[in-house]
Amino acid sequence: MKRTTPLAAIMLLVYLLFNSCAKNPVTGKNDFMLMSKEQEIAMGKQSDPEIKAFFGVYEDPKLQAFINEKGQQMAAISHRPDLKYEFKVVDSPVVNAFAVPGGYVYFTRGIMAYFNNEAEFAGVLGHEIGHITARHSAKQYSNAQIAQIGLLAGSVISPEFAQVADIASTGVQLLFLKFGRDAESQSDKLGVQYSTKIGYDAQEMAGFFETLDRMREQSGGEEVPTFLSTHPDPADREKKVAKEAANWKKKTDAAQLKVNRDSYLRMIDGIVYGDDPKQGFVEHNVFYHPELKFQFPVPSQWTLQNTPQQVQMAPSDGRAVMMLTLAQGNDLEAAARTVLQQYQLSVVDSRRTDVNGLPAVVMVADQQQQQQEQGVRALVYLIQYGQNIYNLMGASSLADFNGYFQVFQNTMAGFSVLNDPDKINRQPRRVRIKTVQQAGTLAQALGNRGDQKKMDELATLNGMALNDRVEKGMLIKVIE
């Protein structure tokens, strides 16, 4: 059936296109923009507590003081010094840094472990501040709003789509904004400019991109560092940054530009590397949570994302999702009512049972859609253990549900109490800074620290090759 586009939506679209321009603080040119400065700030204030709750803030006062000091120093010389900036290291092992509108910048402990000097850090810090000063997030939001208006005007999507996405799309990827190459190139240039202006050698920023590329190569391209996956990386990006840094060196006293390798390495001595076992970890396709003392099997070939708020799992094709969260309610019945209301589900089947000795409620429930094939069906296990009620939910389309049912049930029915002392007392791996005792190669200085893959990982962590020369007294990283 042919649908007509509402006149009011067309008029709104025309009005927005011709009346929503704002001067870009970096370029001085007019950009299409629906978001005001006040709205940017409000969005950042709203997002900040959600992001901190999602990841957790990394507990290291000296590291938090460092990122705030350098961030405020750089913000003051940026194109938007009037914003109230906040800088934080969040407790995530992924290698990433990101910014949200209004002046909020976040670095993961994962990326902090891979920097080898302050200058590398400063270049990436400038890149992220550049996204804010050039209003890339605000511009992307504005473009998305126009696209949404166009879709609604043409009646292409139904309002219920957002309800489906709420179950299927909950994950860390929603916090990361993906920018086009032009925006990334502009932020790279701003990273060079800002880091040079506060006294750092921006050539080191180019070197860090090389480290990230090596991480990708060592994984065979299967595990791309998140900083690269959310920041498109042209083949010549490193060369462009190096050229830009050389140009800025000509504008300043190059001899005064800092790298500060040793001071940075001493500061990150002891930083947690990889997953922190106390927050949960996967071993041999089983997820263990030492503090809450539970475990459950993870489906083979499924990707797992663990955060303080939830554990989420999904197959590579994205046709299903499983997640574990804490349910609200004083008893199983109250928790069931809350879950049904929260996700707007209607019960198909429900029963009381026990899961490995723990009382539980099992439900099959649907999220109704106007068209049956667009519906979502979920298997829900609510399990009472100690003072908590755990909500394990597996969801897929109605068409796919039967194919995933057994996978969902194997994981949920496998939830059990963790008693193994080895898992409960598991300690995190940490970056340790060692002093080279004798001149030679990096490989010789590292000694025998595992197989070739682990040695290559250590070389990349140090931003060096295994056959690179190191001198007596030089600081290097190891994992202990």
Protein backbone atom coordinates (compact mmCIF):
# COMPACT_ATOMS: atom_id res chain seq x y z
CA MET A 1 0.00 0.00 0.00
CA LYS A 2 1.31 3.43 -0.95
CA ARG A 3 1.84 5.77 1.98
CA THR A 4 1.86 9.55 1.80
CA THR A 5 4.41 11.65 3.64
CA PRO A 6 2.76 13.93 6.23
CA LEU A 7 3.06 17.60 5.22
CA ALA A 8 3.96 18.63 8.77
CA ALA A 9 6.99 16.31 8.78
CA ILE A 10 8.19 17.70 5.43
CA MET A 11 7.81 21.27 6.68
CA LEU A 12 9.72 20.41 9.86
CA LEU A 13 12.50 18.81 7.80
CA VAL A 14 12.78 21.91 5.57
CA TYR A 15 12.76 24.23 8.57
CA LEU A 16 15.53 22.30 10.32
CA LEU A 17 17.72 22.19 7.23
CA PHE A 18 17.58 25.96 6.74
CA ASN A 19 17.45 27.20 10.32
CA SER A 20 19.83 25.00 12.28
CA CYS A 21 23.33 26.18 11.44
CA ALA A 22 26.00 27.03 13.99
CA LYS A 23 29.60 28.17 13.68
CA ASN A 24 32.11 25.39 14.27
CA PRO A 25 34.60 26.53 16.96
CA VAL A 26 37.50 24.83 15.16
CA THR A 27 36.87 25.64 11.49
CA GLY A 28 34.90 28.85 11.89
CA LYS A 29 32.47 27.56 9.26
CA ASN A 30 28.72 27.06 9.66
CA ASP A 31 27.69 23.45 10.39
CA PHE A 32 24.22 21.96 10.41
CA MET A 33 23.45 21.54 14.12
CA LEU A 34 20.31 20.72 16.08
CA MET A 35 22.06 20.58 19.44
CA SER A 36 22.87 23.78 21.31
CA LYS A 37 25.83 24.20 23.64
CA GLU A 38 23.47 23.93 26.60
CA GLN A 39 22.06 20.68 25.24
CA GLU A 40 25.58 19.28 24.76
CA ILE A 41 26.40 20.03 28.38
CA ALA A 42 23.12 18.52 29.58
CA MET A 43 23.73 15.36 27.52
CA GLY A 44 27.21 14.98 29.01
CA LYS A 45 25.91 15.43 32.56
CA GLN A 46 23.27 12.81 31.98
CA SER A 47 25.65 10.33 30.33
CA ASP A 48 28.51 10.62 32.82
CA PRO A 49 26.94 8.77 35.78
CA GLU A 50 25.61 6.09 33.42
CA ILE A 51 29.05 5.53 31.89
CA LYS A 52 30.75 5.43 35.31
CA ALA A 53 28.18 2.93 36.56
CA PHE A 54 28.52 0.83 33.41
CA PHE A 55 32.32 0.52 33.52
CA GLY A 56 33.23 1.49 37.05
CA VAL A 57 35.91 4.08 37.83
CA TYR A 58 39.42 2.64 38.14
CA GLU A 59 40.62 2.95 41.72
CA ASP A 60 44.01 4.62 41.37
CA PRO A 61 44.17 8.19 42.78
CA LYS A 62 47.52 9.04 41.18
CA LEU A 63 46.35 7.95 37.73
CA GLN A 64 43.07 9.85 38.10
CA ALA A 65 44.97 12.96 39.24
CA PHE A 66 47.32 12.67 36.25
CA ILE A 67 44.59 12.44 33.60
CA ASN A 68 42.68 15.32 35.19
CA GLU A 69 45.78 17.55 35.42
CA LYS A 70 46.80 16.99 31.79
CA GLY A 71 43.22 17.15 30.60
CA GLN A 72 42.51 20.50 32.25
CA GLN A 73 45.82 21.88 30.97
CA MET A 74 44.94 20.85 27.41
CA ALA A 75 41.32 22.00 27.66
CA ALA A 76 42.52 25.47 28.59
CA ILE A 77 44.37 25.89 25.26
CA SER A 78 41.68 24.18 23.16
CA HIS A 79 39.12 25.84 20.89
CA ARG A 80 36.46 25.55 23.60
CA PRO A 81 38.08 26.44 26.94
CA ASP A 82 34.73 27.67 28.29
CA LEU A 83 33.37 24.12 28.79
CA LYS A 84 33.66 22.43 32.17
CA TYR A 85 35.72 19.35 31.31
CA GLU A 86 35.94 16.11 33.29
CA PHE A 87 38.50 13.35 32.71
CA LYS A 88 38.40 9.83 34.12
CA VAL A 89 40.08 6.43 33.83
CA VAL A 90 37.39 3.74 33.75
CA ASP A 91 37.85 0.15 34.89
CA SER A 92 37.80 -1.71 31.58
CA PRO A 93 40.46 -3.95 30.00
CA VAL A 94 39.55 -2.94 26.42
CA VAL A 95 42.01 -0.62 24.69
CA ASN A 96 39.96 2.51 24.16
CA ALA A 97 39.42 6.21 24.80
CA PHE A 98 36.25 8.13 24.02
CA ALA A 99 34.46 11.41 24.64
CA VAL A 100 30.84 12.49 24.94
CA PRO A 101 29.40 15.96 24.29
CA GLY A 102 29.80 18.66 26.88
CA GLY A 103 33.40 18.01 27.90
CA TYR A 104 33.52 14.44 29.27
CA VAL A 105 36.55 12.31 28.31
CA TYR A 106 37.24 8.71 29.35
CA PHE A 107 40.32 6.49 29.03
CA THR A 108 40.19 2.79 29.90
CA ARG A 109 42.85 1.25 32.09
CA GLY A 110 43.42 -1.01 29.10
CA ILE A 111 44.71 1.83 26.92
CA MET A 112 46.65 3.38 29.81
CA ALA A 113 48.62 0.12 30.11
CA TYR A 114 49.67 0.28 26.45
CA PHE A 115 51.01 3.85 26.48
CA ASN A 116 54.78 3.96 26.92
CA ASN A 117 55.20 7.65 27.67
CA GLU A 118 53.25 10.79 28.48
CA ALA A 119 53.54 12.10 24.92
CA GLU A 120 51.62 9.12 23.47
CA PHE A 121 48.91 9.66 26.05
CA ALA A 122 48.79 13.41 25.33
CA GLY A 123 48.31 12.83 21.60
CA VAL A 124 45.28 10.59 22.16
CA LEU A 125 43.98 12.97 24.84
CA GLY A 126 44.11 15.80 22.30
CA HIS A 127 42.34 13.61 19.75
CA GLU A 128 39.43 13.00 22.11
CA ILE A 129 39.20 16.65 23.19
CA GLY A 130 39.19 17.44 19.47
CA HIS A 131 35.97 15.47 19.03
CA ILE A 132 34.39 17.77 21.62
CA THR A 133 35.83 21.06 20.38
CA ALA A 134 34.92 20.31 16.75
CA ARG A 135 31.45 19.25 17.90
CA HIS A 136 31.65 15.91 16.12
CA SER A 137 29.27 14.22 18.56
CA ALA A 138 26.74 17.05 18.32
CA LYS A 139 26.92 17.00 14.53
CA GLN A 140 26.43 13.25 14.40
CA TYR A 141 23.43 13.58 16.71
CA SER A 142 21.94 16.24 14.44
CA ASN A 143 22.38 14.08 11.34
CA ALA A 144 20.76 11.15 13.14
CA GLN A 145 17.79 13.29 14.12
CA ILE A 146 17.24 14.33 10.50
CA ALA A 147 17.48 10.70 9.38
CA GLN A 148 14.96 9.72 12.04
CA ILE A 149 12.54 12.45 10.96
CA GLY A 150 12.84 11.24 7.37
CA LEU A 151 12.12 7.66 8.38
CA LEU A 152 9.11 8.57 10.47
CA ALA A 153 7.78 10.92 7.79
CA GLY A 154 7.82 8.07 5.28
CA SER A 155 6.33 5.60 7.79
CA VAL A 156 9.24 3.21 7.20
CA ILE A 157 9.58 1.97 10.77
CA SER A 158 7.12 1.24 13.53
CA PRO A 159 7.36 2.76 17.04
CA GLU A 160 7.71 -0.75 18.48
CA PHE A 161 11.15 -1.19 16.87
CA ALA A 162 12.79 0.75 19.71
CA GLN A 163 11.36 -1.70 22.24
CA VAL A 164 12.98 -4.64 20.45
CA ALA A 165 16.29 -2.79 20.22
CA ASP A 166 16.20 -2.15 23.96
CA ILE A 167 16.66 -5.87 24.60
CA ALA A 168 18.95 -6.66 21.70
CA SER A 169 21.23 -3.63 21.74
CA THR A 170 22.12 -3.14 25.39
CA GLY A 171 25.91 -3.09 25.38
CA VAL A 172 29.01 -1.04 25.54
CA GLN A 173 28.88 -0.29 21.81
CA LEU A 174 26.01 2.15 22.45
CA LEU A 175 28.38 4.38 24.42
CA PHE A 176 30.90 4.69 21.58
CA LEU A 177 30.29 7.09 18.73
CA LYS A 178 31.67 6.18 15.32
CA PHE A 179 32.89 9.10 13.27
CA GLY A 180 33.73 9.36 9.59
CA ARG A 181 37.25 9.69 8.21
CA ASP A 182 37.04 13.48 7.89
CA ALA A 183 36.15 13.84 11.56
CA GLU A 184 38.88 11.40 12.61
CA SER A 185 41.47 13.17 10.48
CA GLN A 186 40.48 16.50 11.97
CA SER A 187 40.73 15.09 15.52
CA ASP A 188 44.16 13.62 14.73
CA LYS A 189 45.34 17.08 13.67
CA LEU A 190 43.87 18.61 16.82
CA GLY A 191 45.57 15.92 18.90
CA VAL A 192 48.90 16.94 17.39
CA GLN A 193 48.16 20.64 17.85
CA TYR A 194 46.91 20.44 21.44
CA SER A 195 49.62 18.05 22.68
CA THR A 196 52.35 20.18 21.10
CA LYS A 197 50.92 23.33 22.67
CA ILE A 198 51.21 21.86 26.18
CA GLY A 199 54.79 20.81 25.50
CA TYR A 200 54.75 17.21 24.23
CA ASP A 201 56.41 15.63 21.20
CA ALA A 202 53.45 14.68 18.99
CA GLN A 203 55.61 12.29 16.93
CA GLU A 204 54.94 9.81 19.72
CA MET A 205 51.23 9.84 18.84
CA ALA A 206 52.08 8.34 15.44
CA GLY A 207 54.12 5.66 17.18
CA PHE A 208 51.15 4.66 19.29
CA PHE A 209 49.05 4.03 16.17
CA GLU A 210 51.80 1.61 15.12
CA THR A 211 51.40 -0.20 18.47
CA LEU A 212 47.66 -0.55 17.87
CA ASP A 213 48.24 -1.88 14.36
CA ARG A 214 50.63 -4.49 15.76
CA MET A 215 47.94 -5.61 18.20
CA ARG A 216 45.61 -6.14 15.27
CA GLU A 217 48.23 -8.05 13.27
CA GLN A 218 49.08 -10.34 16.20
CA SER A 219 45.42 -11.31 16.55
CA GLY A 220 45.17 -12.05 12.83
CA GLY A 221 42.72 -9.18 12.49
CA GLU A 222 40.15 -11.01 14.63
CA GLU A 223 40.55 -8.86 17.74
CA VAL A 224 40.80 -5.26 16.63
CA PRO A 225 41.67 -2.82 19.44
CA THR A 226 38.44 -0.99 20.25
CA PHE A 227 40.16 2.35 19.72
CA LEU A 228 40.68 1.31 16.09
CA SER A 229 37.28 -0.30 15.60
CA THR A 230 35.51 2.88 16.71
CA HIS A 231 38.03 5.16 14.99
CA PRO A 232 38.38 4.29 11.27
CA ASP A 233 42.06 3.98 10.47
CA PRO A 234 43.24 4.77 6.91
CA ALA A 235 46.44 3.03 5.88
CA ASP A 236 48.39 6.32 5.84
CA ARG A 237 47.04 7.68 9.14
CA GLU A 238 50.32 7.21 10.98
CA LYS A 239 52.24 9.04 8.23
CA LYS A 240 49.78 11.93 8.24
CA VAL A 241 50.11 12.33 12.00
CA ALA A 242 53.91 12.21 11.77
CA LYS A 243 53.88 14.86 9.04
CA GLU A 244 51.53 17.08 11.03
CA ALA A 245 53.75 16.70 14.11
CA ALA A 246 56.82 17.69 12.09
CA ASN A 247 55.01 20.83 10.89
CA TRP A 248 54.10 21.80 14.44
CA LYS A 249 57.67 21.23 15.60
CA LYS A 250 58.72 23.98 13.20
CA LYS A 251 56.36 26.38 14.96
CA THR A 252 57.80 25.77 18.41
CA ASP A 253 61.08 25.06 20.20
CA ALA A 254 61.43 21.36 19.35
CA ALA A 255 64.18 20.90 21.92
CA GLN A 256 61.72 21.74 24.70
CA LEU A 257 59.11 19.14 23.69
CA LYS A 258 58.73 16.36 26.27
CA VAL A 259 58.29 12.59 25.98
CA ASN A 260 58.53 11.64 29.70
CA ARG A 261 58.89 7.90 29.34
CA ASP A 262 60.25 6.89 32.75
CA SER A 263 57.84 9.01 34.78
CA TYR A 264 54.87 7.55 32.94
CA LEU A 265 56.04 3.95 33.32
CA ARG A 266 56.62 4.38 37.05
CA MET A 267 53.13 5.85 37.40
CA ILE A 268 51.39 2.82 35.81
CA ASP A 269 53.46 0.26 37.74
CA GLY A 270 50.91 -2.18 39.14
CA ILE A 271 48.01 -1.28 36.81
CA VAL A 272 45.62 -4.21 36.30
CA TYR A 273 46.13 -5.85 32.90
CA GLY A 274 43.30 -7.68 31.17
CA ASP A 275 40.22 -8.87 33.03
CA ASP A 276 40.09 -8.27 36.76
CA PRO A 277 39.07 -11.64 38.22
CA LYS A 278 37.15 -10.07 41.10
CA GLN A 279 34.71 -8.64 38.53
CA GLY A 280 34.31 -12.01 36.84
CA PHE A 281 36.32 -13.93 34.26
CA VAL A 282 35.92 -16.66 31.64
CA GLU A 283 38.02 -19.82 31.68
CA HIS A 284 37.38 -22.89 29.51
CA ASN A 285 33.95 -21.59 28.46
CA VAL A 286 32.78 -21.00 32.03
CA PHE A 287 32.14 -17.57 33.57
CA TYR A 288 33.23 -17.27 37.22
CA HIS A 289 32.41 -14.44 39.62
CA PRO A 290 34.67 -14.79 42.69
CA GLU A 291 33.06 -12.02 44.76
CA LEU A 292 29.44 -13.07 44.20
CA LYS A 293 30.48 -16.74 44.15
CA PHE A 294 28.54 -18.04 41.16
CA GLN A 295 29.39 -19.62 37.82
CA PHE A 296 27.66 -20.55 34.57
CA PRO A 297 28.69 -22.02 31.19
CA VAL A 298 29.27 -19.72 28.20
CA PRO A 299 28.20 -20.99 24.76
CA SER A 300 31.10 -21.87 22.49
CA GLN A 301 31.92 -19.18 19.91
CA TRP A 302 29.82 -16.57 21.71
CA THR A 303 31.36 -13.20 22.59
CA LEU A 304 31.03 -12.10 26.22
CA GLN A 305 31.03 -8.52 27.50
CA ASN A 306 31.33 -8.14 31.27
CA THR A 307 30.60 -4.85 33.06
CA PRO A 308 29.69 -3.97 36.67
CA GLN A 309 26.02 -3.76 35.67
CA GLN A 310 25.58 -6.84 33.52
CA VAL A 311 27.13 -9.77 31.68
CA GLN A 312 26.09 -9.91 28.03
CA MET A 313 26.72 -12.67 25.50
CA ALA A 314 25.96 -12.90 21.80
CA PRO A 315 26.84 -15.07 18.80
CA SER A 316 28.83 -13.52 15.96
CA ASP A 317 25.77 -13.19 13.72
CA GLY A 318 23.96 -11.08 16.33
CA ARG A 319 20.72 -13.04 15.98
CA ALA A 320 20.36 -13.61 19.71
CA VAL A 321 21.50 -12.17 23.00
CA MET A 322 21.83 -13.44 26.56
CA MET A 323 22.40 -11.29 29.58
CA LEU A 324 22.67 -11.59 33.34
CA THR A 325 21.63 -8.73 35.60
CA LEU A 326 20.38 -8.30 39.15
CA ALA A 327 16.58 -8.38 39.31
CA GLN A 328 14.56 -5.96 41.43
CA GLY A 329 12.16 -7.38 43.99
CA ASN A 330 12.07 -8.96 47.44
CA ASP A 331 10.98 -12.38 46.18
CA LEU A 332 10.84 -14.33 42.91
CA GLU A 333 7.24 -13.40 42.15
CA ALA A 334 7.92 -9.68 42.61
CA ALA A 335 11.06 -9.95 40.50
CA ALA A 336 9.08 -11.69 37.73
CA ARG A 337 6.49 -8.92 37.67
CA THR A 338 9.22 -6.28 37.48
CA VAL A 339 11.02 -8.01 34.60
CA LEU A 340 7.80 -8.40 32.62
CA GLN A 341 6.98 -4.73 33.10
CA GLN A 342 10.52 -3.49 32.44
CA TYR A 343 10.80 -5.27 29.08
CA GLN A 344 7.08 -5.09 28.22
CA LEU A 345 6.78 -8.85 27.99
CA SER A 346 3.67 -11.03 28.09
CA VAL A 347 3.95 -14.51 29.60
CA VAL A 348 3.60 -17.55 27.35
CA ASP A 349 4.58 -20.08 30.03
CA SER A 350 5.77 -19.85 33.65
CA ARG A 351 6.77 -22.35 36.33
CA ARG A 352 8.59 -22.65 39.66
CA THR A 353 11.67 -24.87 39.76
CA ASP A 354 15.11 -25.08 41.30
CA VAL A 355 18.45 -24.63 39.58
CA ASN A 356 21.22 -26.68 41.17
CA GLY A 357 19.53 -26.36 44.55
CA LEU A 358 18.59 -22.68 44.18
CA PRO A 359 14.91 -21.62 44.01
CA ALA A 360 13.94 -20.20 40.61
CA VAL A 361 11.17 -19.09 38.29
CA VAL A 362 11.36 -19.92 34.58
CA MET A 363 9.32 -17.98 32.02
CA VAL A 364 8.89 -17.90 28.27
CA ALA A 365 7.57 -14.48 27.29
CA ASP A 366 6.91 -12.45 24.17
CA GLN A 367 7.36 -8.83 23.33
CA GLN A 368 4.39 -8.22 21.05
CA GLN A 369 4.74 -6.45 17.72
CA GLN A 370 2.29 -5.27 15.12
CA GLN A 371 3.71 -7.85 12.72
CA GLN A 372 4.29 -11.31 14.14
CA GLU A 373 7.60 -11.89 12.33
CA GLN A 374 9.10 -8.82 13.99
CA GLY A 375 8.36 -10.09 17.51
CA VAL A 376 10.86 -11.09 20.17
CA ARG A 377 10.61 -14.15 22.39
CA ALA A 378 12.63 -14.50 25.57
CA LEU A 379 13.55 -17.30 27.95
CA VAL A 380 13.90 -15.89 31.46
CA TYR A 381 15.40 -17.60 34.50
CA LEU A 382 15.06 -15.77 37.84
CA ILE A 383 17.33 -17.46 40.39
CA GLN A 384 17.45 -16.61 44.09
CA TYR A 385 20.90 -16.94 45.62
CA GLY A 386 21.81 -15.34 48.93
CA GLN A 387 20.48 -11.80 49.13
CA ASN A 388 20.25 -11.44 45.34
CA ILE A 389 17.87 -12.52 42.60
CA TYR A 390 19.66 -13.02 39.29
CA ASN A 391 17.89 -12.40 36.00
CA LEU A 392 19.24 -14.50 33.13
CA MET A 393 17.47 -13.61 29.89
CA GLY A 394 17.95 -15.02 26.41
CA ALA A 395 16.16 -13.28 23.55
CA SER A 396 15.84 -13.75 19.81
CA SER A 397 13.25 -13.28 17.10
CA LEU A 398 10.22 -15.55 17.19
CA ALA A 399 11.51 -17.24 14.05
CA ASP A 400 14.90 -18.02 15.62
CA PHE A 401 13.80 -18.81 19.18
CA ASN A 402 13.43 -22.58 18.86
CA GLY A 403 16.92 -22.78 17.36
CA TYR A 404 18.43 -20.92 20.31
CA PHE A 405 16.25 -22.36 23.08
CA GLN A 406 18.61 -25.19 24.04
CA VAL A 407 21.62 -22.86 24.03
CA PHE A 408 19.77 -20.46 26.35
CA GLN A 409 18.64 -23.25 28.66
CA ASN A 410 22.07 -24.91 28.90
CA THR A 411 23.59 -21.65 30.13
CA MET A 412 20.79 -20.70 32.53
CA ALA A 413 20.26 -24.16 34.00
CA GLY A 414 24.04 -24.34 34.45
CA PHE A 415 24.05 -21.44 36.95
CA SER A 416 25.50 -22.75 40.21
CA VAL A 417 27.32 -21.84 43.41
CA LEU A 418 31.09 -21.28 43.05
CA ASN A 419 33.09 -23.17 45.68
CA ASP A 420 36.48 -23.68 43.98
CA PRO A 421 39.13 -21.83 46.09
CA ASP A 422 41.38 -21.47 43.05
CA LYS A 423 38.69 -19.47 41.22
CA ILE A 424 37.56 -17.53 44.30
CA ASN A 425 41.11 -16.41 45.18
CA ARG A 426 42.27 -15.71 41.61
CA GLN A 427 44.48 -12.61 41.46
CA PRO A 428 44.63 -10.16 38.52
CA ARG A 429 47.57 -9.85 36.19
CA ARG A 430 49.37 -6.54 36.56
CA VAL A 431 51.87 -4.50 34.60
CA ARG A 432 55.15 -4.35 36.50
CA ILE A 433 58.01 -2.04 35.64
CA LYS A 434 61.47 -3.64 35.71
CA THR A 435 64.93 -2.18 35.25
CA VAL A 436 67.11 -3.74 32.53
CA GLN A 437 70.14 -5.28 34.23
CA GLN A 438 72.34 -5.73 31.16
CA ALA A 439 72.42 -4.21 27.68
CA GLY A 440 71.10 -6.44 24.91
CA THR A 441 67.85 -7.11 23.09
CA LEU A 442 64.37 -6.70 24.54
CA ALA A 443 63.92 -10.48 24.27
CA GLN A 444 67.02 -11.02 26.41
CA ALA A 445 65.85 -8.46 28.97
CA LEU A 446 62.43 -10.08 29.21
CA GLY A 447 63.87 -13.55 29.64
CA ASN A 448 61.66 -16.61 29.35
CA ARG A 449 58.14 -15.32 29.89
CA GLY A 450 56.07 -17.78 27.92
CA ASP A 451 55.61 -18.91 24.36
CA GLN A 452 56.21 -16.82 21.25
CA LYS A 453 52.70 -15.36 21.34
CA LYS A 454 53.18 -14.08 24.89
CA MET A 455 56.61 -12.68 24.06
CA ASP A 456 55.17 -10.84 21.05
CA GLU A 457 52.41 -9.47 23.29
CA LEU A 458 55.02 -8.15 25.74
CA ALA A 459 57.00 -6.57 22.91
CA THR A 460 53.88 -4.75 21.68
CA LEU A 461 53.05 -3.69 25.25
CA ASN A 462 56.49 -2.09 25.36
CA GLY A 463 56.06 -0.47 21.95
CA MET A 464 59.17 -2.31 20.72
CA ALA A 465 60.28 -5.32 18.69
CA LEU A 466 61.85 -8.30 20.47
CA ASN A 467 65.17 -7.70 18.68
CA ASP A 468 65.27 -3.97 19.56
CA ARG A 469 68.24 -2.97 21.68
CA VAL A 470 67.79 -2.00 25.30
CA GLU A 471 70.41 -0.43 27.56
CA LYS A 472 71.30 -1.12 31.17
CA GLY A 473 69.11 0.90 33.50
CA MET A 474 66.26 1.22 30.97
CA LEU A 475 62.71 0.60 32.24
CA ILE A 476 60.53 -2.05 30.58
CA LYS A 477 57.11 -3.58 31.22
CA VAL A 478 56.40 -7.17 32.19
CA ILE A 479 53.19 -8.92 33.20
CA GLU A 480 53.02 -10.61 36.61
